[in-house]
Amino acid sequence: MQKVVLATGNAGKVRELASLLNDFGLDVVAQTELGVDSAEETGLTFI
């Protein structure tokens, strides 16, 4: 199974994407599980 690192610490987002991607052989983990700090988000908009 391949591992996908999701750039979030939000457990709900990780659970939701894991349930969608598990059928494709992808193991979704949060960046926080790997000790990766959150990125500074300084932008004014979200696209």
PDB file of N, CA and C in Angstrom:
ATOM      1  N   MET A   1       0.851  -1.176   0.000  1.00  0.00           N
ATOM      2  CA  MET A   1       0.000   0.000   0.000  1.00  0.00           C
ATOM      3  C   MET A   1       0.894   1.236   0.000  1.00  0.00           C
ATOM      4  N   GLN A   2       0.604   2.180  -0.874  1.00  0.00           N
ATOM      5  CA  GLN A   2       1.367   3.428  -0.921  1.00  0.00           C
ATOM      6  C   GLN A   2       0.822   4.401   0.112  1.00  0.00           C
ATOM      7  N   LYS A   3       1.710   5.231   0.633  1.00  0.00           N
ATOM      8  CA  LYS A   3       1.336   6.205   1.646  1.00  0.00           C
ATOM      9  C   LYS A   3       1.235   7.586   1.006  1.00  0.00           C
ATOM     10  N   VAL A   4       0.152   8.304   1.316  1.00  0.00           N
ATOM     11  CA  VAL A   4      -0.055   9.671   0.866  1.00  0.00           C
ATOM     12  C   VAL A   4      -0.073  10.552   2.104  1.00  0.00           C
ATOM     13  N   VAL A   5       0.744  11.599   2.094  1.00  0.00           N
ATOM     14  CA  VAL A   5       0.776  12.521   3.222  1.00  0.00           C
ATOM     15  C   VAL A   5      -0.140  13.689   2.906  1.00  0.00           C
ATOM     16  N   LEU A   6      -1.141  13.875   3.734  1.00  0.00           N
ATOM     17  CA  LEU A   6      -2.095  14.962   3.563  1.00  0.00           C
ATOM     18  C   LEU A   6      -1.601  16.163   4.358  1.00  0.00           C
ATOM     19  N   ALA A   7      -1.506  17.292   3.705  1.00  0.00           N
ATOM     20  CA  ALA A   7      -0.963  18.500   4.336  1.00  0.00           C
ATOM     21  C   ALA A   7      -2.008  19.137   5.241  1.00  0.00           C
ATOM     22  N   THR A   8      -2.311  18.442   6.333  1.00  0.00           N
ATOM     23  CA  THR A   8      -3.255  18.941   7.323  1.00  0.00           C
ATOM     24  C   THR A   8      -3.052  18.184   8.628  1.00  0.00           C
ATOM     25  N   GLY A   9      -3.516  18.779   9.689  1.00  0.00           N
ATOM     26  CA  GLY A   9      -3.549  18.107  10.972  1.00  0.00           C
ATOM     27  C   GLY A   9      -4.986  17.810  11.372  1.00  0.00           C
ATOM     28  N   ASN A  10      -5.922  18.128  10.480  1.00  0.00           N
ATOM     29  CA  ASN A  10      -7.344  17.960  10.732  1.00  0.00           C
ATOM     30  C   ASN A  10      -7.723  16.485  10.585  1.00  0.00           C
ATOM     31  N   ALA A  11      -8.048  15.858  11.703  1.00  0.00           N
ATOM     32  CA  ALA A  11      -8.354  14.424  11.705  1.00  0.00           C
ATOM     33  C   ALA A  11      -9.581  14.099  10.859  1.00  0.00           C
ATOM     34  N   GLY A  12     -10.543  15.001  10.808  1.00  0.00           N
ATOM     35  CA  GLY A  12     -11.744  14.780  10.003  1.00  0.00           C
ATOM     36  C   GLY A  12     -11.427  14.723   8.519  1.00  0.00           C
ATOM     37  N   LYS A  13     -10.569  15.619   8.068  1.00  0.00           N
ATOM     38  CA  LYS A  13     -10.166  15.622   6.658  1.00  0.00           C
ATOM     39  C   LYS A  13      -9.401  14.346   6.318  1.00  0.00           C
ATOM     40  N   VAL A  14      -8.535  13.926   7.217  1.00  0.00           N
ATOM     41  CA  VAL A  14      -7.748  12.712   6.986  1.00  0.00           C
ATOM     42  C   VAL A  14      -8.676  11.503   6.891  1.00  0.00           C
ATOM     43  N   ARG A  15      -9.629  11.388   7.808  1.00  0.00           N
ATOM     44  CA  ARG A  15     -10.586  10.271   7.790  1.00  0.00           C
ATOM     45  C   ARG A  15     -11.392  10.254   6.491  1.00  0.00           C
ATOM     46  N   GLU A  16     -11.873  11.444   6.087  1.00  0.00           N
ATOM     47  CA  GLU A  16     -12.702  11.543   4.887  1.00  0.00           C
ATOM     48  C   GLU A  16     -11.928  11.118   3.637  1.00  0.00           C
ATOM     49  N   LEU A  17     -10.713  11.643   3.470  1.00  0.00           N
ATOM     50  CA  LEU A  17      -9.929  11.277   2.292  1.00  0.00           C
ATOM     51  C   LEU A  17      -9.452   9.833   2.360  1.00  0.00           C
ATOM     52  N   ALA A  18      -9.149   9.356   3.553  1.00  0.00           N
ATOM     53  CA  ALA A  18      -8.720   7.962   3.695  1.00  0.00           C
ATOM     54  C   ALA A  18      -9.830   7.017   3.244  1.00  0.00           C
ATOM     55  N   SER A  19     -11.068   7.331   3.593  1.00  0.00           N
ATOM     56  CA  SER A  19     -12.178   6.461   3.193  1.00  0.00           C
ATOM     57  C   SER A  19     -12.367   6.472   1.679  1.00  0.00           C
ATOM     58  N   LEU A  20     -12.059   7.591   1.026  1.00  0.00           N
ATOM     59  CA  LEU A  20     -12.188   7.675  -0.430  1.00  0.00           C
ATOM     60  C   LEU A  20     -11.035   6.995  -1.161  1.00  0.00           C
ATOM     61  N   LEU A  21      -9.831   7.091  -0.613  1.00  0.00           N
ATOM     62  CA  LEU A  21      -8.639   6.614  -1.313  1.00  0.00           C
ATOM     63  C   LEU A  21      -8.208   5.200  -0.933  1.00  0.00           C
ATOM     64  N   ASN A  22      -8.773   4.666   0.125  1.00  0.00           N
ATOM     65  CA  ASN A  22      -8.389   3.335   0.587  1.00  0.00           C
ATOM     66  C   ASN A  22      -8.636   2.266  -0.477  1.00  0.00           C
ATOM     67  N   ASP A  23      -9.712   2.404  -1.239  1.00  0.00           N
ATOM     68  CA  ASP A  23     -10.025   1.429  -2.290  1.00  0.00           C
ATOM     69  C   ASP A  23      -8.984   1.416  -3.403  1.00  0.00           C
ATOM     70  N   PHE A  24      -8.179   2.463  -3.490  1.00  0.00           N
ATOM     71  CA  PHE A  24      -7.140   2.558  -4.511  1.00  0.00           C
ATOM     72  C   PHE A  24      -5.771   2.129  -3.979  1.00  0.00           C
ATOM     73  N   GLY A  25      -5.753   1.564  -2.781  1.00  0.00           N
ATOM     74  CA  GLY A  25      -4.502   1.085  -2.203  1.00  0.00           C
ATOM     75  C   GLY A  25      -3.635   2.194  -1.649  1.00  0.00           C
ATOM     76  N   LEU A  26      -4.267   3.292  -1.232  1.00  0.00           N
ATOM     77  CA  LEU A  26      -3.522   4.426  -0.692  1.00  0.00           C
ATOM     78  C   LEU A  26      -3.809   4.580   0.792  1.00  0.00           C
ATOM     79  N   ASP A  27      -2.762   4.706   1.570  1.00  0.00           N
ATOM     80  CA  ASP A  27      -2.848   4.913   3.009  1.00  0.00           C
ATOM     81  C   ASP A  27      -2.625   6.395   3.272  1.00  0.00           C
ATOM     82  N   VAL A  28      -3.640   7.091   3.766  1.00  0.00           N
ATOM     83  CA  VAL A  28      -3.563   8.534   3.984  1.00  0.00           C
ATOM     84  C   VAL A  28      -3.156   8.811   5.423  1.00  0.00           C
ATOM     85  N   VAL A  29      -2.130   9.639   5.596  1.00  0.00           N
ATOM     86  CA  VAL A  29      -1.691  10.052   6.929  1.00  0.00           C
ATOM     87  C   VAL A  29      -1.572  11.571   6.956  1.00  0.00           C
ATOM     88  N   ALA A  30      -1.733  12.134   8.130  1.00  0.00           N
ATOM     89  CA  ALA A  30      -1.592  13.579   8.303  1.00  0.00           C
ATOM     90  C   ALA A  30      -0.122  13.942   8.433  1.00  0.00           C
ATOM     91  N   GLN A  31       0.211  15.146   8.013  1.00  0.00           N
ATOM     92  CA  GLN A  31       1.597  15.607   8.114  1.00  0.00           C
ATOM     93  C   GLN A  31       2.062  15.603   9.558  1.00  0.00           C
ATOM     94  N   THR A  32       1.151  15.815  10.485  1.00  0.00           N
ATOM     95  CA  THR A  32       1.519  15.846  11.899  1.00  0.00           C
ATOM     96  C   THR A  32       2.003  14.480  12.391  1.00  0.00           C
ATOM     97  N   GLU A  33       1.530  13.392  11.762  1.00  0.00           N
ATOM     98  CA  GLU A  33       1.982  12.051  12.140  1.00  0.00           C
ATOM     99  C   GLU A  33       3.447  11.830  11.792  1.00  0.00           C
ATOM    100  N   LEU A  34       3.966  12.634  10.889  1.00  0.00           N
ATOM    101  CA  LEU A  34       5.359  12.500  10.462  1.00  0.00           C
ATOM    102  C   LEU A  34       6.242  13.598  11.041  1.00  0.00           C
ATOM    103  N   GLY A  35       5.671  14.403  11.943  1.00  0.00           N
ATOM    104  CA  GLY A  35       6.443  15.459  12.582  1.00  0.00           C
ATOM    105  C   GLY A  35       6.656  16.684  11.715  1.00  0.00           C
ATOM    106  N   VAL A  36       5.832  16.839  10.672  1.00  0.00           N
ATOM    107  CA  VAL A  36       5.948  18.005   9.792  1.00  0.00           C
ATOM    108  C   VAL A  36       5.093  19.129  10.362  1.00  0.00           C
ATOM    109  N   ASP A  37       5.710  20.287  10.581  1.00  0.00           N
ATOM    110  CA  ASP A  37       4.979  21.439  11.099  1.00  0.00           C
ATOM    111  C   ASP A  37       4.049  22.013  10.042  1.00  0.00           C
ATOM    112  N   SER A  38       3.042  22.745  10.496  1.00  0.00           N
ATOM    113  CA  SER A  38       2.124  23.416   9.581  1.00  0.00           C
ATOM    114  C   SER A  38       2.843  24.524   8.835  1.00  0.00           C
ATOM    115  N   ALA A  39       2.456  24.700   7.583  1.00  0.00           N
ATOM    116  CA  ALA A  39       3.027  25.778   6.775  1.00  0.00           C
ATOM    117  C   ALA A  39       2.366  27.098   7.145  1.00  0.00           C
ATOM    118  N   GLU A  40       3.125  28.165   7.061  1.00  0.00           N
ATOM    119  CA  GLU A  40       2.568  29.488   7.298  1.00  0.00           C
ATOM    120  C   GLU A  40       1.730  29.868   6.083  1.00  0.00           C
ATOM    121  N   GLU A  41       0.462  30.156   6.320  1.00  0.00           N
ATOM    122  CA  GLU A  41      -0.437  30.538   5.234  1.00  0.00           C
ATOM    123  C   GLU A  41      -0.684  32.033   5.323  1.00  0.00           C
ATOM    124  N   THR A  42      -0.063  32.769   4.420  1.00  0.00           N
ATOM    125  CA  THR A  42      -0.145  34.232   4.478  1.00  0.00           C
ATOM    126  C   THR A  42      -0.970  34.822   3.341  1.00  0.00           C
ATOM    127  N   GLY A  43      -1.522  33.985   2.475  1.00  0.00           N
ATOM    128  CA  GLY A  43      -2.308  34.468   1.340  1.00  0.00           C
ATOM    129  C   GLY A  43      -3.640  35.045   1.788  1.00  0.00           C
ATOM    130  N   LEU A  44      -4.198  35.886   0.945  1.00  0.00           N
ATOM    131  CA  LEU A  44      -5.462  36.533   1.264  1.00  0.00           C
ATOM    132  C   LEU A  44      -6.663  35.765   0.737  1.00  0.00           C
ATOM    133  N   THR A  45      -6.449  34.868  -0.235  1.00  0.00           N
ATOM    134  CA  THR A  45      -7.572  34.155  -0.831  1.00  0.00           C
ATOM    135  C   THR A  45      -7.282  32.668  -0.908  1.00  0.00           C
ATOM    136  N   PHE A  46      -8.347  31.915  -1.130  1.00  0.00           N
ATOM    137  CA  PHE A  46      -8.245  30.473  -1.313  1.00  0.00           C
ATOM    138  C   PHE A  46      -8.853  30.143  -2.662  1.00  0.00           C
ATOM    139  N   ILE A  47      -8.128  29.396  -3.464  1.00  0.00           N
ATOM    140  CA  ILE A  47      -8.639  29.049  -4.798  1.00  0.00           C
ATOM    141  C   ILE A  47      -9.009  27.591  -4.810  1.00  0.00           C
TER     142      ILE A  47
END
